[in-house]
Amino acid sequence: MRRLQRHLDRAEEYFAVALLVILGILLSAQVFMRFVLGLGYSALEEIIRMLFVWVIFVGAIAAMRRNLHIRVEAGLRLFPRVLQPLLAWLGDLLLFSFCLAVTWHGNPLVLSTAAGTFRLQSTHLSLFWPYLIVPISFGLQAVRLALWRFGLRPDNIGGGGDDSGESGAASSVPGIAAIDAPDRA
């Protein structure tokens, strides 16, 4: 059961890797067709662009899962140690609110493209597909951030601490990887 939980917990990473492999294959085919065969295929370029956007947003979910999003921890260190955990929570609350707002306002955008006649020029795919990842990604990032802050970290699921995403050095702020990790030679 724990093994299944671990695999479900990494579902977005598996999905991102699969998308990245498909993206690499399509890019290689596009380069081969353009520079070896002298053929350009605009529909393939549209699909590649859409996959690239999906890889970025699915990767953002995976980064949130491992607490690897970019933070300005140096700014936190300017405040007294007593205030740092509170300010870290405030920063996460702001990020959580932003993720929820993008999810909330992204849904009508996605639904409007599904009902409308907006289509990609070469493939004639609905703009629903490229836009769909935005509310999905930010919604799942909000979930991951909430789980992280309430102690459901990847290292707590299925045992083993090799998956924490932290650099190994202890941070002064709980839940945040240290920015001044010692160099390992």
Protein backbone atom coordinates (compact mmCIF):
# COMPACT_ATOMS: atom_id res chain seq x y z
CA MET A 1 0.00 0.00 0.00
CA ARG A 2 2.81 2.42 0.84
CA ARG A 3 4.45 1.65 -2.49
CA LEU A 4 1.25 2.51 -4.36
CA GLN A 5 0.97 5.70 -2.31
CA ARG A 6 4.53 6.63 -3.26
CA HIS A 7 3.83 6.08 -6.96
CA LEU A 8 0.60 8.07 -6.82
CA ASP A 9 2.48 10.83 -5.02
CA ARG A 10 4.93 10.98 -7.93
CA ALA A 11 2.27 10.80 -10.67
CA GLU A 12 2.98 14.32 -11.91
CA GLU A 13 6.68 13.52 -12.20
CA TYR A 14 5.94 10.40 -14.25
CA PHE A 15 3.57 12.43 -16.43
CA ALA A 16 6.17 15.19 -16.89
CA VAL A 17 8.84 12.67 -17.89
CA ALA A 18 6.48 11.04 -20.40
CA LEU A 19 5.64 14.45 -21.89
CA LEU A 20 9.34 15.33 -22.01
CA VAL A 21 10.18 12.11 -23.86
CA ILE A 22 7.40 12.75 -26.38
CA LEU A 23 8.59 16.33 -26.74
CA GLY A 24 12.16 15.16 -27.39
CA ILE A 25 11.03 12.66 -30.02
CA LEU A 26 8.86 15.24 -31.81
CA LEU A 27 11.61 17.87 -31.69
CA SER A 28 14.12 15.39 -33.12
CA ALA A 29 11.69 14.47 -35.88
CA GLN A 30 11.09 18.15 -36.63
CA VAL A 31 14.82 18.92 -36.83
CA PHE A 32 15.43 15.85 -39.01
CA MET A 33 12.57 16.74 -41.34
CA ARG A 34 13.59 20.38 -41.62
CA PHE A 35 17.36 20.10 -42.01
CA VAL A 36 17.78 16.69 -43.63
CA LEU A 37 14.64 16.33 -45.72
CA GLY A 38 14.01 20.03 -46.24
CA LEU A 39 10.40 19.76 -45.06
CA GLY A 40 8.68 22.04 -42.59
CA TYR A 41 5.59 20.85 -40.79
CA SER A 42 3.79 23.68 -38.99
CA ALA A 43 1.28 21.40 -37.24
CA LEU A 44 4.15 19.58 -35.57
CA GLU A 45 5.55 22.91 -34.36
CA GLU A 46 2.20 23.78 -32.76
CA ILE A 47 2.06 20.43 -30.98
CA ILE A 48 5.65 20.86 -29.78
CA ARG A 49 4.87 24.32 -28.40
CA MET A 50 1.80 23.02 -26.59
CA LEU A 51 3.75 20.08 -25.13
CA PHE A 52 6.50 22.45 -24.00
CA VAL A 53 3.97 24.56 -22.08
CA TRP A 54 2.50 21.42 -20.50
CA VAL A 55 5.97 20.16 -19.47
CA ILE A 56 6.71 23.48 -17.78
CA PHE A 57 3.46 23.57 -15.82
CA VAL A 58 3.54 19.88 -14.84
CA GLY A 59 7.16 20.38 -13.78
CA ALA A 60 6.03 23.28 -11.58
CA ILE A 61 3.69 20.88 -9.76
CA ALA A 62 6.57 18.45 -9.23
CA ALA A 63 8.78 21.30 -8.00
CA MET A 64 6.12 22.32 -5.50
CA ARG A 65 5.89 18.71 -4.31
CA ARG A 66 9.59 18.74 -3.46
CA ASN A 67 9.55 22.32 -2.14
CA LEU A 68 11.96 23.41 -4.87
CA HIS A 69 10.20 26.55 -6.01
CA ILE A 70 12.24 29.72 -6.13
CA ARG A 71 12.13 31.64 -2.87
CA VAL A 72 13.77 34.79 -1.65
CA GLU A 73 15.13 33.35 1.56
CA ALA A 74 17.85 35.98 1.73
CA GLY A 75 15.13 38.54 2.47
CA LEU A 76 13.89 36.41 5.36
CA ARG A 77 17.35 36.40 6.88
CA LEU A 78 17.19 40.18 7.25
CA PHE A 79 14.55 39.75 9.94
CA PRO A 80 15.12 38.47 13.47
CA ARG A 81 15.15 34.68 13.79
CA VAL A 82 11.96 34.77 15.83
CA LEU A 83 10.01 36.35 12.95
CA GLN A 84 11.42 34.17 10.14
CA PRO A 85 9.00 31.21 10.53
CA LEU A 86 6.03 33.58 10.66
CA LEU A 87 7.21 35.42 7.53
CA ALA A 88 7.83 32.10 5.76
CA TRP A 89 4.25 31.11 6.55
CA LEU A 90 3.04 34.50 5.30
CA GLY A 91 4.96 34.02 2.05
CA ASP A 92 3.48 30.56 1.61
CA LEU A 93 0.01 31.93 2.36
CA LEU A 94 0.47 34.57 -0.35
CA LEU A 95 1.70 31.92 -2.80
CA PHE A 96 -1.25 29.69 -1.87
CA SER A 97 -3.66 32.59 -2.43
CA PHE A 98 -2.07 33.35 -5.80
CA CYS A 99 -2.37 29.69 -6.87
CA LEU A 100 -6.03 29.62 -5.85
CA ALA A 101 -6.72 32.90 -7.68
CA VAL A 102 -5.12 31.66 -10.91
CA THR A 103 -7.07 28.40 -10.62
CA TRP A 104 -10.33 30.24 -9.94
CA HIS A 105 -9.93 32.73 -12.78
CA GLY A 106 -8.34 30.20 -15.14
CA ASN A 107 -11.39 27.95 -15.14
CA PRO A 108 -13.68 30.44 -16.95
CA LEU A 109 -10.91 31.07 -19.49
CA VAL A 110 -10.56 27.36 -20.20
CA LEU A 111 -14.32 26.87 -20.40
CA SER A 112 -14.69 29.84 -22.76
CA THR A 113 -12.14 28.34 -25.16
CA ALA A 114 -13.92 24.98 -25.08
CA ALA A 115 -17.22 26.53 -26.10
CA GLY A 116 -15.78 29.00 -28.61
CA THR A 117 -14.31 28.70 -32.05
CA PHE A 118 -10.76 29.58 -31.02
CA ARG A 119 -8.47 27.07 -32.68
CA LEU A 120 -4.79 26.66 -33.37
CA GLN A 121 -4.06 27.61 -36.95
CA SER A 122 -2.33 24.50 -38.31
CA THR A 123 -3.72 21.64 -36.23
CA HIS A 124 -7.17 23.17 -35.70
CA LEU A 125 -7.06 21.96 -32.11
CA SER A 126 -9.13 23.93 -29.66
CA LEU A 127 -7.25 26.42 -27.48
CA PHE A 128 -8.88 24.52 -24.63
CA TRP A 129 -5.93 22.08 -24.62
CA PRO A 130 -3.05 24.54 -24.18
CA TYR A 131 -5.02 26.57 -21.60
CA LEU A 132 -6.25 23.56 -19.65
CA ILE A 133 -2.93 23.05 -17.88
CA VAL A 134 -2.98 26.50 -16.22
CA PRO A 135 -5.79 25.93 -13.69
CA ILE A 136 -4.79 22.28 -13.27
CA SER A 137 -1.19 23.21 -12.49
CA PHE A 138 -1.94 26.05 -10.10
CA GLY A 139 -4.68 24.07 -8.36
CA LEU A 140 -2.35 21.12 -7.78
CA GLN A 141 0.43 23.48 -6.69
CA ALA A 142 -1.94 24.91 -4.07
CA VAL A 143 -2.72 21.38 -2.88
CA ARG A 144 0.97 20.46 -2.76
CA LEU A 145 1.84 23.62 -0.84
CA ALA A 146 -0.92 22.97 1.69
CA LEU A 147 0.21 19.36 2.11
CA TRP A 148 3.83 20.49 2.52
CA ARG A 149 2.96 23.05 5.16
CA PHE A 150 0.82 20.59 7.12
CA GLY A 151 3.57 17.99 7.29
CA LEU A 152 2.64 15.62 4.46
CA ARG A 153 6.04 15.85 2.83
CA PRO A 154 7.36 13.35 0.28
CA ASP A 155 9.80 11.95 2.84
CA ASN A 156 6.85 11.13 5.12
CA ILE A 157 5.09 9.06 2.45
CA GLY A 158 6.39 5.54 2.05
CA GLY A 159 9.41 6.08 4.26
CA GLY A 160 12.91 7.03 3.22
CA GLY A 161 14.27 10.53 3.31
CA ASP A 162 16.07 10.56 -0.03
CA ASP A 163 13.15 12.32 -1.71
CA SER A 164 12.85 15.46 0.37
CA GLY A 165 14.19 17.80 -2.28
CA GLU A 166 16.26 19.68 0.24
CA SER A 167 19.92 20.41 -0.26
CA GLY A 168 21.05 18.65 2.88
CA ALA A 169 21.87 21.73 4.89
CA ALA A 170 19.49 22.86 7.58
CA SER A 171 17.71 26.13 6.95
CA SER A 172 16.90 28.69 9.57
CA VAL A 173 13.30 28.66 8.33
CA PRO A 174 11.34 25.40 8.62
CA GLY A 175 10.40 23.86 5.28
CA ILE A 176 12.87 25.91 3.28
CA ALA A 177 16.12 24.54 1.89
CA ALA A 178 19.21 26.49 2.83
CA ILE A 179 20.58 28.82 0.19
CA ASP A 180 24.07 28.71 1.54
CA ALA A 181 24.64 24.96 1.43
CA PRO A 182 28.32 24.08 1.78
CA ASP A 183 30.19 23.26 -1.40
CA ARG A 184 30.93 19.58 -1.81
CA ALA A 185 34.21 18.90 -3.50
